[in-house]
């Protein structure tokens, strides 16, 4: 399974949990607690990614990136944002690869 497929599968599970209660599900717990709890977890996981990177521990970093990714998917589902919208934006940004920042500023000012 490639990166896109695994994210899509995980996101579908997250969205299903939002609609269908599964007793004991941590995902359901986050949705029940609401946006503030989800945002708190995204913030915590972001900090843990930073700490893992500063510790220069790639195993810890991979685990924390996975946690952050999961919580970002929860946030997206809570806000009704589809994975395709993020993919579209990333594709737009990819088109800018190699463009120098100054050149983009000059074009904007024309």
C-alpha atoms as a PDB file:
ATOM      1  CA  UNK A   1       0.000   0.000   0.000  1.00  0.00           C
ATOM      2  CA  UNK A   2       1.463   3.400  -0.938  1.00  0.00           C
ATOM      3  CA  UNK A   3       1.423   6.612   1.147  1.00  0.00           C
ATOM      4  CA  UNK A   4      -1.708   7.980  -0.480  1.00  0.00           C
ATOM      5  CA  UNK A   5      -3.612   4.736  -0.068  1.00  0.00           C
ATOM      6  CA  UNK A   6      -2.759   4.321   3.606  1.00  0.00           C
ATOM      7  CA  UNK A   7      -3.799   7.906   4.367  1.00  0.00           C
ATOM      8  CA  UNK A   8      -7.041   7.418   2.451  1.00  0.00           C
ATOM      9  CA  UNK A   9      -7.827   4.172   4.265  1.00  0.00           C
ATOM     10  CA  UNK A  10      -7.054   5.697   7.656  1.00  0.00           C
ATOM     11  CA  UNK A  11      -9.107   8.793   6.849  1.00  0.00           C
ATOM     12  CA  UNK A  12     -12.078   6.628   5.863  1.00  0.00           C
ATOM     13  CA  UNK A  13     -11.841   4.833   9.227  1.00  0.00           C
ATOM     14  CA  UNK A  14     -11.698   8.190  11.022  1.00  0.00           C
ATOM     15  CA  UNK A  15     -14.762   9.486   9.143  1.00  0.00           C
ATOM     16  CA  UNK A  16     -16.625   6.253   9.865  1.00  0.00           C
ATOM     17  CA  UNK A  17     -15.875   6.640  13.584  1.00  0.00           C
ATOM     18  CA  UNK A  18     -17.278  10.162  13.440  1.00  0.00           C
ATOM     19  CA  UNK A  19     -20.575   8.751  12.168  1.00  0.00           C
ATOM     20  CA  UNK A  20     -20.654   5.390  13.972  1.00  0.00           C
ATOM     21  CA  UNK A  21     -19.976   4.922  17.657  1.00  0.00           C
ATOM     22  CA  UNK A  22     -17.565   2.126  18.505  1.00  0.00           C
ATOM     23  CA  UNK A  23     -17.433   1.549  22.236  1.00  0.00           C
ATOM     24  CA  UNK A  24     -13.976   2.198  23.659  1.00  0.00           C
ATOM     25  CA  UNK A  25     -12.787   3.959  20.503  1.00  0.00           C
ATOM     26  CA  UNK A  26     -10.266   6.720  21.161  1.00  0.00           C
ATOM     27  CA  UNK A  27     -11.312   8.327  17.883  1.00  0.00           C
ATOM     28  CA  UNK A  28     -14.934   8.461  19.056  1.00  0.00           C
ATOM     29  CA  UNK A  29     -13.756   9.905  22.358  1.00  0.00           C
ATOM     30  CA  UNK A  30     -12.027  12.772  20.540  1.00  0.00           C
ATOM     31  CA  UNK A  31     -15.109  13.520  18.441  1.00  0.00           C
ATOM     32  CA  UNK A  32     -17.314  13.429  21.547  1.00  0.00           C
ATOM     33  CA  UNK A  33     -15.013  15.885  23.358  1.00  0.00           C
ATOM     34  CA  UNK A  34     -15.102  18.227  20.379  1.00  0.00           C
ATOM     35  CA  UNK A  35     -12.898  20.709  18.591  1.00  0.00           C
ATOM     36  CA  UNK A  36     -11.071  22.093  21.625  1.00  0.00           C
ATOM     37  CA  UNK A  37      -9.852  18.623  22.662  1.00  0.00           C
ATOM     38  CA  UNK A  38      -8.859  17.787  19.077  1.00  0.00           C
ATOM     39  CA  UNK A  39      -6.908  21.048  18.760  1.00  0.00           C
ATOM     40  CA  UNK A  40      -5.205  20.402  22.088  1.00  0.00           C
ATOM     41  CA  UNK A  41      -4.070  16.984  20.846  1.00  0.00           C
ATOM     42  CA  UNK A  42      -2.803  18.437  17.544  1.00  0.00           C
ATOM     43  CA  UNK A  43      -0.785  20.968  19.535  1.00  0.00           C
ATOM     44  CA  UNK A  44       0.607  18.329  21.883  1.00  0.00           C
ATOM     45  CA  UNK A  45       1.575  16.028  19.028  1.00  0.00           C
ATOM     46  CA  UNK A  46       3.213  18.909  17.140  1.00  0.00           C
ATOM     47  CA  UNK A  47       5.356  19.636  20.172  1.00  0.00           C
ATOM     48  CA  UNK A  48       6.267  15.961  20.509  1.00  0.00           C
ATOM     49  CA  UNK A  49       7.402  15.914  16.857  1.00  0.00           C
ATOM     50  CA  UNK A  50       9.661  18.878  17.580  1.00  0.00           C
ATOM     51  CA  UNK A  51      11.119  17.252  20.703  1.00  0.00           C
ATOM     52  CA  UNK A  52      11.748  13.970  18.868  1.00  0.00           C
ATOM     53  CA  UNK A  53      13.539  15.831  16.078  1.00  0.00           C
ATOM     54  CA  UNK A  54      15.640  17.781  18.589  1.00  0.00           C
ATOM     55  CA  UNK A  55      16.497  14.487  20.315  1.00  0.00           C
ATOM     56  CA  UNK A  56      17.731  13.202  16.961  1.00  0.00           C
ATOM     57  CA  UNK A  57      15.792   9.959  17.520  1.00  0.00           C
ATOM     58  CA  UNK A  58      14.350   8.798  14.213  1.00  0.00           C
ATOM     59  CA  UNK A  59      12.315   5.974  15.769  1.00  0.00           C
ATOM     60  CA  UNK A  60      10.661   8.409  18.165  1.00  0.00           C
ATOM     61  CA  UNK A  61      10.245  10.918  15.336  1.00  0.00           C
ATOM     62  CA  UNK A  62       8.448   8.397  13.117  1.00  0.00           C
ATOM     63  CA  UNK A  63       6.096   7.502  15.972  1.00  0.00           C
ATOM     64  CA  UNK A  64       5.332  11.134  16.753  1.00  0.00           C
ATOM     65  CA  UNK A  65       4.782  12.013  13.084  1.00  0.00           C
ATOM     66  CA  UNK A  66       2.308   9.145  12.893  1.00  0.00           C
ATOM     67  CA  UNK A  67       0.504  10.450  15.988  1.00  0.00           C
ATOM     68  CA  UNK A  68       0.396  13.963  14.555  1.00  0.00           C
ATOM     69  CA  UNK A  69      -0.856  12.713  11.192  1.00  0.00           C
ATOM     70  CA  UNK A  70      -3.639  10.760  12.891  1.00  0.00           C
ATOM     71  CA  UNK A  71      -4.735  13.773  14.920  1.00  0.00           C
ATOM     72  CA  UNK A  72      -4.617  16.007  11.822  1.00  0.00           C
ATOM     73  CA  UNK A  73      -6.960  13.528  10.103  1.00  0.00           C
ATOM     74  CA  UNK A  74      -9.292  13.731  13.112  1.00  0.00           C
ATOM     75  CA  UNK A  75      -9.230  17.545  12.837  1.00  0.00           C
ATOM     76  CA  UNK A  76      -9.960  17.367   9.118  1.00  0.00           C
ATOM     77  CA  UNK A  77     -12.936  15.070   9.683  1.00  0.00           C
ATOM     78  CA  UNK A  78     -14.234  17.285  12.480  1.00  0.00           C
ATOM     79  CA  UNK A  79     -14.061  20.318  10.199  1.00  0.00           C
ATOM     80  CA  UNK A  80     -15.564  18.488   7.201  1.00  0.00           C
ATOM     81  CA  UNK A  81     -12.374  18.854   5.177  1.00  0.00           C
ATOM     82  CA  UNK A  82     -11.696  16.097   2.653  1.00  0.00           C
ATOM     83  CA  UNK A  83      -8.267  14.646   1.969  1.00  0.00           C
ATOM     84  CA  UNK A  84      -8.685  15.505  -1.721  1.00  0.00           C
ATOM     85  CA  UNK A  85      -8.692  19.242  -0.903  1.00  0.00           C
ATOM     86  CA  UNK A  86      -5.311  18.915   0.793  1.00  0.00           C
ATOM     87  CA  UNK A  87      -4.000  16.783  -2.073  1.00  0.00           C
ATOM     88  CA  UNK A  88      -5.162  19.428  -4.594  1.00  0.00           C
ATOM     89  CA  UNK A  89      -3.405  22.186  -2.676  1.00  0.00           C
ATOM     90  CA  UNK A  90      -0.207  20.139  -2.441  1.00  0.00           C
ATOM     91  CA  UNK A  91      -0.347  19.578  -6.205  1.00  0.00           C
ATOM     92  CA  UNK A  92      -0.691  23.343  -6.763  1.00  0.00           C
ATOM     93  CA  UNK A  93       2.288  23.965  -4.533  1.00  0.00           C
ATOM     94  CA  UNK A  94       4.287  21.293  -6.321  1.00  0.00           C
ATOM     95  CA  UNK A  95       3.918  23.305  -9.528  1.00  0.00           C
ATOM     96  CA  UNK A  96       5.850  26.100  -7.817  1.00  0.00           C
ATOM     97  CA  UNK A  97       8.886  23.899  -7.097  1.00  0.00           C
ATOM     98  CA  UNK A  98      11.961  25.500  -8.567  1.00  0.00           C
ATOM     99  CA  UNK A  99      10.430  28.959  -8.784  1.00  0.00           C
ATOM    100  CA  UNK A 100      12.476  31.485  -6.908  1.00  0.00           C
ATOM    101  CA  UNK A 101      10.625  33.396  -4.226  1.00  0.00           C
ATOM    102  CA  UNK A 102      11.734  36.769  -5.599  1.00  0.00           C
ATOM    103  CA  UNK A 103      10.450  35.917  -9.096  1.00  0.00           C
ATOM    104  CA  UNK A 104       7.030  35.048  -7.639  1.00  0.00           C
ATOM    105  CA  UNK A 105       6.975  38.355  -5.757  1.00  0.00           C
ATOM    106  CA  UNK A 106       7.799  40.278  -8.953  1.00  0.00           C
ATOM    107  CA  UNK A 107       5.008  38.545 -10.861  1.00  0.00           C
ATOM    108  CA  UNK A 108       2.554  39.360  -8.044  1.00  0.00           C
ATOM    109  CA  UNK A 109       3.470  43.039  -8.196  1.00  0.00           C
ATOM    110  CA  UNK A 110       2.840  43.327 -11.951  1.00  0.00           C
END
